[in-house]
Every structure is written in C-alpha cells, then in structure tokens.
Amino acid sequence: MRALVVSCLLMILPIAVSAQDGPDVTSLSYLCERNVMVPVTFINPSDGPALAVMQVEGKQVALRALHSASGVRYVAFDEQDSYRLYTKGDEAFVMHMAADHTAEEVWILRDCAVVDQ
C-alpha cells in the first residue's frame, strides 16, 4: 500500500513542483470520535489539483480533491480501498466505499476537528 501511495504522489508531484513558488503544503491533525487522531497533509499547487495524504486505520492514503457542494471532498486514488475525507473549515469526517456491488459510503470517523498544533 505504501508503494501505491508513493507511486501516486510521484506521478502527481511534477505537476505540483512545476509551480513557480511551489505548492502550499499544510499538515493538520484531526481529533475524531473515540479520541482517534487523523493526521492529514494537504498539498495545494497553484496550477494543479489539490491533494492530501491521510493516515487512517493504520494506512497511509493518497487522496485527490473533487468538487463538493460545500467544503472539500477528497477521494482515494485506490478505488479498491476507497477512503473519503470531507472537510469544511476546521471540521471533517472520514468515510469508506467498498469496491463491490453495494457502492455505498460507510462512516469510519465522525465529529473530527482540527487540533491546535
């Protein structure tokens, strides 16, 4: 899985690095229900799609930003293990969509809030 994350980032990194000033990189930690900590690094290049890398359930997950009605929805590159991170301001929640015929999102973590760093 780690190799997949690295491969995804290596494919996208040239887009991010090509920006004259370089990408805006922000690392945050969210504290969620059951006192679960979810570290996330957001990569926002000036001329490409926003990305994120999230540590959840013992996995490092590479995500890409997609349009959302409000806030930002990040979806995993790995469609077979498709985690989703929804953010709005300092709040977030994490969902997962199985790669089977049900194709329904399932709650993983709710009530996540940025922890002061």
C-alpha atoms as a PDB file:
ATOM      1  CA  MET A   1       0.000   0.000   0.000  1.00  0.00           C
ATOM      2  CA  ARG A   2       2.820   2.380   0.856  1.00  0.00           C
ATOM      3  CA  ALA A   3       4.286   1.738  -2.618  1.00  0.00           C
ATOM      4  CA  LEU A   4       0.932   2.708  -4.151  1.00  0.00           C
ATOM      5  CA  VAL A   5       0.862   5.982  -2.203  1.00  0.00           C
ATOM      6  CA  VAL A   6       4.417   6.791  -3.251  1.00  0.00           C
ATOM      7  CA  SER A   7       3.643   5.900  -6.884  1.00  0.00           C
ATOM      8  CA  CYS A   8       0.563   8.145  -6.928  1.00  0.00           C
ATOM      9  CA  LEU A   9       2.460  11.048  -5.415  1.00  0.00           C
ATOM     10  CA  LEU A  10       5.386  10.586  -7.805  1.00  0.00           C
ATOM     11  CA  MET A  11       3.002  10.752 -10.758  1.00  0.00           C
ATOM     12  CA  ILE A  12       1.418  13.953  -9.494  1.00  0.00           C
ATOM     13  CA  LEU A  13       4.398  15.632  -7.871  1.00  0.00           C
ATOM     14  CA  PRO A  14       5.816  17.024 -11.166  1.00  0.00           C
ATOM     15  CA  ILE A  15       2.560  18.968 -11.581  1.00  0.00           C
ATOM     16  CA  ALA A  16       2.881  20.382  -8.073  1.00  0.00           C
ATOM     17  CA  VAL A  17       6.609  21.112  -8.340  1.00  0.00           C
ATOM     18  CA  SER A  18       6.213  22.916 -11.657  1.00  0.00           C
ATOM     19  CA  ALA A  19       4.534  25.828  -9.885  1.00  0.00           C
ATOM     20  CA  GLN A  20       6.900  28.793  -9.685  1.00  0.00           C
ATOM     21  CA  ASP A  21       6.511  29.256  -5.933  1.00  0.00           C
ATOM     22  CA  GLY A  22       5.985  25.573  -5.225  1.00  0.00           C
ATOM     23  CA  PRO A  23       2.915  24.017  -3.680  1.00  0.00           C
ATOM     24  CA  ASP A  24       1.296  25.138  -0.454  1.00  0.00           C
ATOM     25  CA  VAL A  25       1.757  22.204   1.964  1.00  0.00           C
ATOM     26  CA  THR A  26      -0.145  22.134   5.253  1.00  0.00           C
ATOM     27  CA  SER A  27      -0.121  19.362   7.861  1.00  0.00           C
ATOM     28  CA  LEU A  28      -3.034  19.142  10.296  1.00  0.00           C
ATOM     29  CA  SER A  29      -4.238  16.625  12.837  1.00  0.00           C
ATOM     30  CA  TYR A  30      -7.936  15.991  13.361  1.00  0.00           C
ATOM     31  CA  LEU A  31      -9.257  14.628  16.647  1.00  0.00           C
ATOM     32  CA  CYS A  32     -12.314  12.494  15.929  1.00  0.00           C
ATOM     33  CA  GLU A  33     -14.861  10.460  17.859  1.00  0.00           C
ATOM     34  CA  ARG A  34     -13.441   7.855  20.243  1.00  0.00           C
ATOM     35  CA  ASN A  35     -10.330  10.110  20.566  1.00  0.00           C
ATOM     36  CA  VAL A  36      -8.939   8.877  17.242  1.00  0.00           C
ATOM     37  CA  MET A  37      -6.253  11.148  15.786  1.00  0.00           C
ATOM     38  CA  VAL A  38      -6.137  11.504  11.980  1.00  0.00           C
ATOM     39  CA  PRO A  39      -3.057  13.286  10.597  1.00  0.00           C
ATOM     40  CA  VAL A  40      -3.504  14.789   7.123  1.00  0.00           C
ATOM     41  CA  THR A  41      -1.077  16.612   4.851  1.00  0.00           C
ATOM     42  CA  PHE A  42      -2.733  18.846   2.257  1.00  0.00           C
ATOM     43  CA  ILE A  43      -0.847  19.728  -0.949  1.00  0.00           C
ATOM     44  CA  ASN A  44      -2.275  22.662  -2.882  1.00  0.00           C
ATOM     45  CA  PRO A  45      -0.282  23.513  -6.015  1.00  0.00           C
ATOM     46  CA  SER A  46      -1.015  26.861  -7.611  1.00  0.00           C
ATOM     47  CA  ASP A  47      -1.630  25.282 -11.026  1.00  0.00           C
ATOM     48  CA  GLY A  48      -2.989  21.784 -10.410  1.00  0.00           C
ATOM     49  CA  PRO A  49      -5.413  19.680  -8.449  1.00  0.00           C
ATOM     50  CA  ALA A  50      -5.363  19.684  -4.647  1.00  0.00           C
ATOM     51  CA  LEU A  51      -4.091  16.517  -2.978  1.00  0.00           C
ATOM     52  CA  ALA A  52      -3.977  15.076   0.519  1.00  0.00           C
ATOM     53  CA  VAL A  53      -2.283  12.214   2.313  1.00  0.00           C
ATOM     54  CA  MET A  54      -4.228  10.860   5.294  1.00  0.00           C
ATOM     55  CA  GLN A  55      -3.147   8.390   7.978  1.00  0.00           C
ATOM     56  CA  VAL A  56      -6.196   6.305   8.954  1.00  0.00           C
ATOM     57  CA  GLU A  57      -6.769   2.774  10.256  1.00  0.00           C
ATOM     58  CA  GLY A  58      -3.041   2.030  10.085  1.00  0.00           C
ATOM     59  CA  LYS A  59      -2.884   3.025   6.399  1.00  0.00           C
ATOM     60  CA  GLN A  60      -1.412   5.938   4.529  1.00  0.00           C
ATOM     61  CA  VAL A  61      -3.986   7.012   1.927  1.00  0.00           C
ATOM     62  CA  ALA A  62      -3.311   9.273  -1.077  1.00  0.00           C
ATOM     63  CA  LEU A  63      -6.367  11.371  -1.991  1.00  0.00           C
ATOM     64  CA  ARG A  64      -7.373  13.840  -4.688  1.00  0.00           C
ATOM     65  CA  ALA A  65      -9.794  16.734  -4.245  1.00  0.00           C
ATOM     66  CA  LEU A  66     -13.096  16.668  -6.103  1.00  0.00           C
ATOM     67  CA  HIS A  67     -15.806  19.294  -6.348  1.00  0.00           C
ATOM     68  CA  SER A  68     -18.279  19.397  -3.485  1.00  0.00           C
ATOM     69  CA  ALA A  69     -21.357  21.456  -2.725  1.00  0.00           C
ATOM     70  CA  SER A  70     -19.707  22.873   0.388  1.00  0.00           C
ATOM     71  CA  GLY A  71     -16.252  22.248   1.773  1.00  0.00           C
ATOM     72  CA  VAL A  72     -13.849  19.888   0.010  1.00  0.00           C
ATOM     73  CA  ARG A  73     -14.245  16.186  -0.718  1.00  0.00           C
ATOM     74  CA  TYR A  74     -11.048  14.145  -1.041  1.00  0.00           C
ATOM     75  CA  VAL A  75     -11.287  10.678  -2.627  1.00  0.00           C
ATOM     76  CA  ALA A  76      -8.626   7.958  -2.530  1.00  0.00           C
ATOM     77  CA  PHE A  77      -6.724   7.173  -5.711  1.00  0.00           C
ATOM     78  CA  ASP A  78      -7.076   3.465  -4.853  1.00  0.00           C
ATOM     79  CA  GLU A  79     -10.608   2.550  -5.978  1.00  0.00           C
ATOM     80  CA  GLN A  80     -10.281  -0.887  -4.366  1.00  0.00           C
ATOM     81  CA  ASP A  81      -9.783   0.681  -0.920  1.00  0.00           C
ATOM     82  CA  SER A  82     -11.595   3.960  -1.402  1.00  0.00           C
ATOM     83  CA  TYR A  83     -11.384   6.192   1.646  1.00  0.00           C
ATOM     84  CA  ARG A  84     -13.014   9.630   1.543  1.00  0.00           C
ATOM     85  CA  LEU A  85     -12.222  12.703   3.605  1.00  0.00           C
ATOM     86  CA  TYR A  86     -14.771  15.504   3.771  1.00  0.00           C
ATOM     87  CA  THR A  87     -13.570  18.852   5.145  1.00  0.00           C
ATOM     88  CA  LYS A  88     -15.286  22.156   5.849  1.00  0.00           C
ATOM     89  CA  GLY A  89     -13.372  24.775   7.782  1.00  0.00           C
ATOM     90  CA  ASP A  90     -11.775  23.103  10.807  1.00  0.00           C
ATOM     91  CA  GLU A  91     -14.180  20.146  10.768  1.00  0.00           C
ATOM     92  CA  ALA A  92     -14.039  16.835   8.909  1.00  0.00           C
ATOM     93  CA  PHE A  93     -15.318  13.288   8.712  1.00  0.00           C
ATOM     94  CA  VAL A  94     -13.987  10.094   7.125  1.00  0.00           C
ATOM     95  CA  MET A  95     -15.946   7.557   5.082  1.00  0.00           C
ATOM     96  CA  HIS A  96     -15.107   4.446   3.064  1.00  0.00           C
ATOM     97  CA  MET A  97     -16.650   2.979  -0.069  1.00  0.00           C
ATOM     98  CA  ALA A  98     -16.178  -0.735  -0.686  1.00  0.00           C
ATOM     99  CA  ALA A  99     -15.257  -1.914  -4.169  1.00  0.00           C
ATOM    100  CA  ASP A 100     -18.284  -4.148  -4.582  1.00  0.00           C
ATOM    101  CA  HIS A 101     -21.816  -4.012  -5.935  1.00  0.00           C
ATOM    102  CA  THR A 102     -23.184  -2.107  -2.922  1.00  0.00           C
ATOM    103  CA  ALA A 103     -21.132   1.030  -3.661  1.00  0.00           C
ATOM    104  CA  GLU A 104     -22.395   2.790  -0.537  1.00  0.00           C
ATOM    105  CA  GLU A 105     -20.283   5.011   1.673  1.00  0.00           C
ATOM    106  CA  VAL A 106     -19.829   3.804   5.240  1.00  0.00           C
ATOM    107  CA  TRP A 107     -18.940   6.049   8.212  1.00  0.00           C
ATOM    108  CA  ILE A 108     -15.441   5.469   9.584  1.00  0.00           C
ATOM    109  CA  LEU A 109     -14.972   8.561  11.792  1.00  0.00           C
ATOM    110  CA  ARG A 110     -17.317  11.433  12.641  1.00  0.00           C
ATOM    111  CA  ASP A 111     -17.020  14.691  14.546  1.00  0.00           C
ATOM    112  CA  CYS A 112     -13.407  15.399  13.597  1.00  0.00           C
ATOM    113  CA  ALA A 113     -11.945  18.788  14.480  1.00  0.00           C
ATOM    114  CA  VAL A 114      -8.509  20.306  13.915  1.00  0.00           C
ATOM    115  CA  VAL A 115      -6.295  20.045  16.975  1.00  0.00           C
ATOM    116  CA  ASP A 116      -4.262  23.161  17.847  1.00  0.00           C
ATOM    117  CA  GLN A 117      -0.649  22.487  16.997  1.00  0.00           C
END
